[in-house]
PDB file of N, CA and C in Angstrom:
ATOM      1  N   MET A   1      -9.444 -22.855  16.612  1.00  0.00           N
ATOM      2  CA  MET A   1      -8.372 -21.983  16.165  1.00  0.00           C
ATOM      3  C   MET A   1      -8.719 -20.533  16.503  1.00  0.00           C
ATOM      4  N   LYS A   2      -7.778 -19.842  17.121  1.00  0.00           N
ATOM      5  CA  LYS A   2      -7.985 -18.458  17.510  1.00  0.00           C
ATOM      6  C   LYS A   2      -7.884 -17.544  16.293  1.00  0.00           C
ATOM      7  N   LYS A   3      -8.836 -16.621  16.189  1.00  0.00           N
ATOM      8  CA  LYS A   3      -8.777 -15.661  15.089  1.00  0.00           C
ATOM      9  C   LYS A   3      -7.665 -14.658  15.345  1.00  0.00           C
ATOM     10  N   LYS A   4      -6.920 -14.336  14.309  1.00  0.00           N
ATOM     11  CA  LYS A   4      -5.847 -13.360  14.425  1.00  0.00           C
ATOM     12  C   LYS A   4      -6.371 -11.982  14.047  1.00  0.00           C
ATOM     13  N   GLU A   5      -5.905 -10.986  14.767  1.00  0.00           N
ATOM     14  CA  GLU A   5      -6.362  -9.625  14.558  1.00  0.00           C
ATOM     15  C   GLU A   5      -5.722  -9.011  13.313  1.00  0.00           C
ATOM     16  N   ILE A   6      -6.501  -8.271  12.539  1.00  0.00           N
ATOM     17  CA  ILE A   6      -5.981  -7.554  11.375  1.00  0.00           C
ATOM     18  C   ILE A   6      -5.354  -6.250  11.868  1.00  0.00           C
ATOM     19  N   LEU A   7      -4.105  -6.026  11.522  1.00  0.00           N
ATOM     20  CA  LEU A   7      -3.407  -4.824  11.958  1.00  0.00           C
ATOM     21  C   LEU A   7      -3.320  -3.749  10.880  1.00  0.00           C
ATOM     22  N   ALA A   8      -3.205  -4.157   9.615  1.00  0.00           N
ATOM     23  CA  ALA A   8      -3.032  -3.172   8.548  1.00  0.00           C
ATOM     24  C   ALA A   8      -3.450  -3.761   7.206  1.00  0.00           C
ATOM     25  N   GLU A   9      -3.642  -2.868   6.260  1.00  0.00           N
ATOM     26  CA  GLU A   9      -3.890  -3.242   4.865  1.00  0.00           C
ATOM     27  C   GLU A   9      -2.797  -2.588   4.038  1.00  0.00           C
ATOM     28  N   GLN A  10      -2.329  -3.283   3.017  1.00  0.00           N
ATOM     29  CA  GLN A  10      -1.379  -2.657   2.102  1.00  0.00           C
ATOM     30  C   GLN A  10      -1.818  -2.917   0.672  1.00  0.00           C
ATOM     31  N   TYR A  11      -1.567  -1.921  -0.173  1.00  0.00           N
ATOM     32  CA  TYR A  11      -1.990  -2.012  -1.575  1.00  0.00           C
ATOM     33  C   TYR A  11      -1.157  -1.042  -2.403  1.00  0.00           C
ATOM     34  N   LEU A  12      -1.227  -1.178  -3.723  1.00  0.00           N
ATOM     35  CA  LEU A  12      -0.536  -0.281  -4.644  1.00  0.00           C
ATOM     36  C   LEU A  12      -1.511   0.756  -5.178  1.00  0.00           C
ATOM     37  N   GLU A  13      -0.997   1.962  -5.368  1.00  0.00           N
ATOM     38  CA  GLU A  13      -1.810   3.060  -5.873  1.00  0.00           C
ATOM     39  C   GLU A  13      -1.011   3.791  -6.942  1.00  0.00           C
ATOM     40  N   VAL A  14      -1.664   4.173  -8.038  1.00  0.00           N
ATOM     41  CA  VAL A  14      -1.022   4.944  -9.100  1.00  0.00           C
ATOM     42  C   VAL A  14      -1.477   6.394  -8.937  1.00  0.00           C
ATOM     43  N   CYS A  15      -0.499   7.312  -8.751  1.00  0.00           N
ATOM     44  CA  CYS A  15      -0.804   8.709  -8.424  1.00  0.00           C
ATOM     45  C   CYS A  15      -0.165   9.659  -9.436  1.00  0.00           C
ATOM     46  N   PHE A  16      -0.946  10.654  -9.870  1.00  0.00           N
ATOM     47  CA  PHE A  16      -0.444  11.688 -10.780  1.00  0.00           C
ATOM     48  C   PHE A  16       0.383  12.697 -10.004  1.00  0.00           C
ATOM     49  N   GLN A  17       1.516  13.114 -10.570  1.00  0.00           N
ATOM     50  CA  GLN A  17       2.423  14.058  -9.917  1.00  0.00           C
ATOM     51  C   GLN A  17       2.379  15.420 -10.603  1.00  0.00           C
ATOM     52  N   ASP A  18       2.855  16.449  -9.911  1.00  0.00           N
ATOM     53  CA  ASP A  18       2.876  17.813 -10.452  1.00  0.00           C
ATOM     54  C   ASP A  18       3.731  17.941 -11.716  1.00  0.00           C
ATOM     55  N   ASP A  19       4.750  17.090 -11.841  1.00  0.00           N
ATOM     56  CA  ASP A  19       5.617  17.161 -13.025  1.00  0.00           C
ATOM     57  C   ASP A  19       5.064  16.341 -14.199  1.00  0.00           C
ATOM     58  N   LYS A  20       3.774  15.996 -14.115  1.00  0.00           N
ATOM     59  CA  LYS A  20       3.033  15.279 -15.168  1.00  0.00           C
ATOM     60  C   LYS A  20       3.557  13.864 -15.403  1.00  0.00           C
ATOM     61  N   THR A  21       4.051  13.232 -14.347  1.00  0.00           N
ATOM     62  CA  THR A  21       4.427  11.826 -14.392  1.00  0.00           C
ATOM     63  C   THR A  21       3.517  11.067 -13.431  1.00  0.00           C
ATOM     64  N   TRP A  22       3.673   9.746 -13.397  1.00  0.00           N
ATOM     65  CA  TRP A  22       2.830   8.890 -12.562  1.00  0.00           C
ATOM     66  C   TRP A  22       3.695   8.050 -11.635  1.00  0.00           C
ATOM     67  N   ASN A  23       3.412   8.102 -10.337  1.00  0.00           N
ATOM     68  CA  ASN A  23       4.119   7.277  -9.355  1.00  0.00           C
ATOM     69  C   ASN A  23       3.278   6.062  -9.012  1.00  0.00           C
ATOM     70  N   VAL A  24       3.938   4.924  -8.851  1.00  0.00           N
ATOM     71  CA  VAL A  24       3.296   3.746  -8.271  1.00  0.00           C
ATOM     72  C   VAL A  24       3.776   3.696  -6.824  1.00  0.00           C
ATOM     73  N   GLU A  25       2.822   3.788  -5.889  1.00  0.00           N
ATOM     74  CA  GLU A  25       3.162   3.857  -4.473  1.00  0.00           C
ATOM     75  C   GLU A  25       2.601   2.669  -3.715  1.00  0.00           C
ATOM     76  N   LEU A  26       3.408   2.131  -2.806  1.00  0.00           N
ATOM     77  CA  LEU A  26       2.952   1.131  -1.865  1.00  0.00           C
ATOM     78  C   LEU A  26       2.362   1.889  -0.684  1.00  0.00           C
ATOM     79  N   VAL A  27       1.087   1.635  -0.374  1.00  0.00           N
ATOM     80  CA  VAL A  27       0.392   2.323   0.706  1.00  0.00           C
ATOM     81  C   VAL A  27       0.106   1.298   1.803  1.00  0.00           C
ATOM     82  N   ILE A  28       0.495   1.625   3.035  1.00  0.00           N
ATOM     83  CA  ILE A  28       0.225   0.769   4.188  1.00  0.00           C
ATOM     84  C   ILE A  28      -0.593   1.584   5.181  1.00  0.00           C
ATOM     85  N   GLU A  29      -1.806   1.105   5.471  1.00  0.00           N
ATOM     86  CA  GLU A  29      -2.706   1.807   6.385  1.00  0.00           C
ATOM     87  C   GLU A  29      -2.951   0.965   7.625  1.00  0.00           C
ATOM     88  N   ASN A  30      -2.765   1.569   8.790  1.00  0.00           N
ATOM     89  CA  ASN A  30      -3.109   0.896  10.043  1.00  0.00           C
ATOM     90  C   ASN A  30      -4.618   0.741  10.122  1.00  0.00           C
ATOM     91  N   VAL A  31      -5.063  -0.409  10.539  1.00  0.00           N
ATOM     92  CA  VAL A  31      -6.481  -0.644  10.760  1.00  0.00           C
ATOM     93  C   VAL A  31      -6.791  -0.489  12.239  1.00  0.00           C
ATOM     94  N   LYS A  32      -5.896  -1.007  13.064  1.00  0.00           N
ATOM     95  CA  LYS A  32      -6.096  -0.976  14.510  1.00  0.00           C
ATOM     96  C   LYS A  32      -5.675   0.379  15.066  1.00  0.00           C
ATOM     97  N   LYS A  33      -6.556   0.980  15.853  1.00  0.00           N
ATOM     98  CA  LYS A  33      -6.244   2.241  16.513  1.00  0.00           C
ATOM     99  C   LYS A  33      -6.184   1.995  18.013  1.00  0.00           C
ATOM    100  N   SER A  34      -5.110   2.431  18.637  1.00  0.00           N
ATOM    101  CA  SER A  34      -5.030   2.330  20.091  1.00  0.00           C
ATOM    102  C   SER A  34      -5.600   3.608  20.699  1.00  0.00           C
ATOM    103  N   ASN A  35      -5.711   3.646  22.008  1.00  0.00           N
ATOM    104  CA  ASN A  35      -6.328   4.786  22.679  1.00  0.00           C
ATOM    105  C   ASN A  35      -5.581   6.098  22.466  1.00  0.00           C
ATOM    106  N   ASN A  36      -4.274   6.039  22.404  1.00  0.00           N
ATOM    107  CA  ASN A  36      -3.503   7.280  22.296  1.00  0.00           C
ATOM    108  C   ASN A  36      -2.913   7.519  20.903  1.00  0.00           C
ATOM    109  N   LYS A  37      -3.225   6.674  19.949  1.00  0.00           N
ATOM    110  CA  LYS A  37      -2.685   6.837  18.598  1.00  0.00           C
ATOM    111  C   LYS A  37      -3.818   6.924  17.591  1.00  0.00           C
ATOM    112  N   LYS A  38      -3.601   7.743  16.571  1.00  0.00           N
ATOM    113  CA  LYS A  38      -4.546   7.774  15.460  1.00  0.00           C
ATOM    114  C   LYS A  38      -4.053   6.829  14.366  1.00  0.00           C
ATOM    115  N   ALA A  39      -4.937   6.483  13.466  1.00  0.00           N
ATOM    116  CA  ALA A  39      -4.544   5.605  12.359  1.00  0.00           C
ATOM    117  C   ALA A  39      -3.480   6.312  11.518  1.00  0.00           C
ATOM    118  N   GLU A  40      -2.500   5.552  11.045  1.00  0.00           N
ATOM    119  CA  GLU A  40      -1.410   6.118  10.261  1.00  0.00           C
ATOM    120  C   GLU A  40      -1.383   5.494   8.875  1.00  0.00           C
ATOM    121  N   THR A  41      -0.909   6.268   7.920  1.00  0.00           N
ATOM    122  CA  THR A  41      -0.725   5.782   6.558  1.00  0.00           C
ATOM    123  C   THR A  41       0.715   6.050   6.143  1.00  0.00           C
ATOM    124  N   MET A  42       1.382   5.024   5.643  1.00  0.00           N
ATOM    125  CA  MET A  42       2.738   5.178   5.137  1.00  0.00           C
ATOM    126  C   MET A  42       2.705   4.947   3.623  1.00  0.00           C
ATOM    127  N   ARG A  43       3.536   5.685   2.909  1.00  0.00           N
ATOM    128  CA  ARG A  43       3.635   5.557   1.455  1.00  0.00           C
ATOM    129  C   ARG A  43       5.095   5.399   1.061  1.00  0.00           C
ATOM    130  N   TYR A  44       5.316   4.537   0.058  1.00  0.00           N
ATOM    131  CA  TYR A  44       6.662   4.317  -0.452  1.00  0.00           C
ATOM    132  C   TYR A  44       6.575   4.241  -1.975  1.00  0.00           C
ATOM    133  N   CYS A  45       7.352   5.071  -2.649  1.00  0.00           N
ATOM    134  CA  CYS A  45       7.328   5.105  -4.113  1.00  0.00           C
ATOM    135  C   CYS A  45       8.119   3.925  -4.676  1.00  0.00           C
ATOM    136  N   LEU A  46       7.454   3.090  -5.473  1.00  0.00           N
ATOM    137  CA  LEU A  46       8.102   1.934  -6.101  1.00  0.00           C
ATOM    138  C   LEU A  46       8.602   2.243  -7.507  1.00  0.00           C
ATOM    139  N   GLY A  47       8.062   3.292  -8.133  1.00  0.00           N
ATOM    140  CA  GLY A  47       8.494   3.629  -9.483  1.00  0.00           C
ATOM    141  C   GLY A  47       7.808   4.874  -9.993  1.00  0.00           C
ATOM    142  N   ASN A  48       8.439   5.538 -10.967  1.00  0.00           N
ATOM    143  CA  ASN A  48       7.903   6.743 -11.585  1.00  0.00           C
ATOM    144  C   ASN A  48       7.833   6.495 -13.089  1.00  0.00           C
ATOM    145  N   PHE A  49       6.686   6.822 -13.697  1.00  0.00           N
ATOM    146  CA  PHE A  49       6.460   6.517 -15.109  1.00  0.00           C
ATOM    147  C   PHE A  49       5.939   7.741 -15.845  1.00  0.00           C
ATOM    148  N   ASN A  50       6.201   7.791 -17.166  1.00  0.00           N
ATOM    149  CA  ASN A  50       5.807   8.943 -17.977  1.00  0.00           C
ATOM    150  C   ASN A  50       4.329   8.941 -18.341  1.00  0.00           C
ATOM    151  N   THR A  51       3.708   7.760 -18.408  1.00  0.00           N
ATOM    152  CA  THR A  51       2.291   7.690 -18.765  1.00  0.00           C
ATOM    153  C   THR A  51       1.520   6.880 -17.729  1.00  0.00           C
ATOM    154  N   MET A  52       0.215   7.142 -17.688  1.00  0.00           N
ATOM    155  CA  MET A  52      -0.635   6.405 -16.768  1.00  0.00           C
ATOM    156  C   MET A  52      -0.656   4.918 -17.137  1.00  0.00           C
ATOM    157  N   LYS A  53      -0.645   4.612 -18.435  1.00  0.00           N
ATOM    158  CA  LYS A  53      -0.679   3.216 -18.870  1.00  0.00           C
ATOM    159  C   LYS A  53       0.547   2.450 -18.364  1.00  0.00           C
ATOM    160  N   GLU A  54       1.745   3.055 -18.461  1.00  0.00           N
ATOM    161  CA  GLU A  54       2.957   2.405 -17.942  1.00  0.00           C
ATOM    162  C   GLU A  54       2.842   2.158 -16.439  1.00  0.00           C
ATOM    163  N   GLY A  55       2.354   3.151 -15.698  1.00  0.00           N
ATOM    164  CA  GLY A  55       2.174   3.006 -14.259  1.00  0.00           C
ATOM    165  C   GLY A  55       1.168   1.924 -13.915  1.00  0.00           C
ATOM    166  N   ASP A  56       0.035   1.907 -14.637  1.00  0.00           N
ATOM    167  CA  ASP A  56      -0.991   0.883 -14.412  1.00  0.00           C
ATOM    168  C   ASP A  56      -0.457  -0.514 -14.702  1.00  0.00           C
ATOM    169  N   ASN A  57       0.289  -0.656 -15.787  1.00  0.00           N
ATOM    170  CA  ASN A  57       0.846  -1.970 -16.136  1.00  0.00           C
ATOM    171  C   ASN A  57       1.811  -2.464 -15.059  1.00  0.00           C
ATOM    172  N   PHE A  58       2.663  -1.574 -14.563  1.00  0.00           N
ATOM    173  CA  PHE A  58       3.598  -1.955 -13.508  1.00  0.00           C
ATOM    174  C   PHE A  58       2.842  -2.344 -12.236  1.00  0.00           C
ATOM    175  N   ALA A  59       1.859  -1.514 -11.852  1.00  0.00           N
ATOM    176  CA  ALA A  59       1.085  -1.799 -10.636  1.00  0.00           C
ATOM    177  C   ALA A  59       0.330  -3.116 -10.766  1.00  0.00           C
ATOM    178  N   ASP A  60      -0.281  -3.368 -11.916  1.00  0.00           N
ATOM    179  CA  ASP A  60      -1.021  -4.623 -12.111  1.00  0.00           C
ATOM    180  C   ASP A  60      -0.100  -5.835 -11.994  1.00  0.00           C
ATOM    181  N   ALA A  61       1.126  -5.706 -12.494  1.00  0.00           N
ATOM    182  CA  ALA A  61       2.075  -6.825 -12.420  1.00  0.00           C
ATOM    183  C   ALA A  61       2.540  -7.074 -10.985  1.00  0.00           C
ATOM    184  N   MET A  62       2.558  -6.050 -10.154  1.00  0.00           N
ATOM    185  CA  MET A  62       3.089  -6.170  -8.797  1.00  0.00           C
ATOM    186  C   MET A  62       2.008  -6.406  -7.737  1.00  0.00           C
ATOM    187  N   ARG A  63       0.749  -6.251  -8.075  1.00  0.00           N
ATOM    188  CA  ARG A  63      -0.316  -6.371  -7.066  1.00  0.00           C
ATOM    189  C   ARG A  63      -0.369  -7.760  -6.438  1.00  0.00           C
ATOM    190  N   PHE A  64      -0.017  -8.789  -7.156  1.00  0.00           N
ATOM    191  CA  PHE A  64      -0.009 -10.141  -6.590  1.00  0.00           C
ATOM    192  C   PHE A  64       0.914 -10.208  -5.371  1.00  0.00           C
ATOM    193  N   TYR A  65       2.024  -9.479  -5.433  1.00  0.00           N
ATOM    194  CA  TYR A  65       3.003  -9.504  -4.339  1.00  0.00           C
ATOM    195  C   TYR A  65       2.667  -8.535  -3.211  1.00  0.00           C
ATOM    196  N   TYR A  66       2.056  -7.400  -3.544  1.00  0.00           N
ATOM    197  CA  TYR A  66       1.922  -6.337  -2.559  1.00  0.00           C
ATOM    198  C   TYR A  66       0.526  -6.181  -1.960  1.00  0.00           C
ATOM    199  N   ASP A  67      -0.540  -6.458  -2.682  1.00  0.00           N
ATOM    200  CA  ASP A  67      -1.885  -6.267  -2.142  1.00  0.00           C
ATOM    201  C   ASP A  67      -2.204  -7.382  -1.156  1.00  0.00           C
ATOM    202  N   LYS A  68      -2.321  -7.047   0.121  1.00  0.00           N
ATOM    203  CA  LYS A  68      -2.643  -8.065   1.112  1.00  0.00           C
ATOM    204  C   LYS A  68      -3.057  -7.422   2.425  1.00  0.00           C
ATOM    205  N   THR A  69      -3.625  -8.242   3.272  1.00  0.00           N
ATOM    206  CA  THR A  69      -3.964  -7.866   4.627  1.00  0.00           C
ATOM    207  C   THR A  69      -2.843  -8.345   5.539  1.00  0.00           C
ATOM    208  N   ILE A  70      -2.453  -7.513   6.501  1.00  0.00           N
ATOM    209  CA  ILE A  70      -1.385  -7.869   7.431  1.00  0.00           C
ATOM    210  C   ILE A  70      -2.026  -8.261   8.757  1.00  0.00           C
ATOM    211  N   PHE A  71      -1.856  -9.522   9.128  1.00  0.00           N
ATOM    212  CA  PHE A  71      -2.422 -10.046  10.372  1.00  0.00           C
ATOM    213  C   PHE A  71      -1.378 -10.013  11.473  1.00  0.00           C
ATOM    214  N   GLU A  72      -1.831 -10.147  12.692  1.00  0.00           N
ATOM    215  CA  GLU A  72      -0.963 -10.090  13.868  1.00  0.00           C
ATOM    216  C   GLU A  72       0.148 -11.131  13.808  1.00  0.00           C
ATOM    217  N   TYR A  73      -0.141 -12.338  13.356  1.00  0.00           N
ATOM    218  CA  TYR A  73       0.858 -13.406  13.376  1.00  0.00           C
ATOM    219  C   TYR A  73       1.956 -13.204  12.344  1.00  0.00           C
ATOM    220  N   GLU A  74       1.789 -12.292  11.386  1.00  0.00           N
ATOM    221  CA  GLU A  74       2.807 -12.062  10.371  1.00  0.00           C
ATOM    222  C   GLU A  74       3.917 -11.121  10.832  1.00  0.00           C
ATOM    223  N   LEU A  75       3.699 -10.416  11.933  1.00  0.00           N
ATOM    224  CA  LEU A  75       4.681  -9.457  12.408  1.00  0.00           C
ATOM    225  C   LEU A  75       5.762 -10.161  13.215  1.00  0.00           C
ATOM    226  N   MET A  76       6.982  -9.649  13.111  1.00  0.00           N
ATOM    227  CA  MET A  76       8.088 -10.246  13.858  1.00  0.00           C
ATOM    228  C   MET A  76       8.689  -9.221  14.782  1.00  0.00           C
TER     229      MET A  76
END
């Protein structure tokens, strides 16, 4: 069986904001770098919460779905 190349990692991150709230963000980081491109990171806000505990609880509940490695064969 041929090994498939890892292209990216994605995970959830809880981040403090200037307005004293907490964002839960989906972070996708490229692992593979080509000769003319640098590694890129994309972020997408999944929710905004008033306390760190609320943000942590939401992130913990969603990590099963979002935390994963993205392999070459998963892309369409």
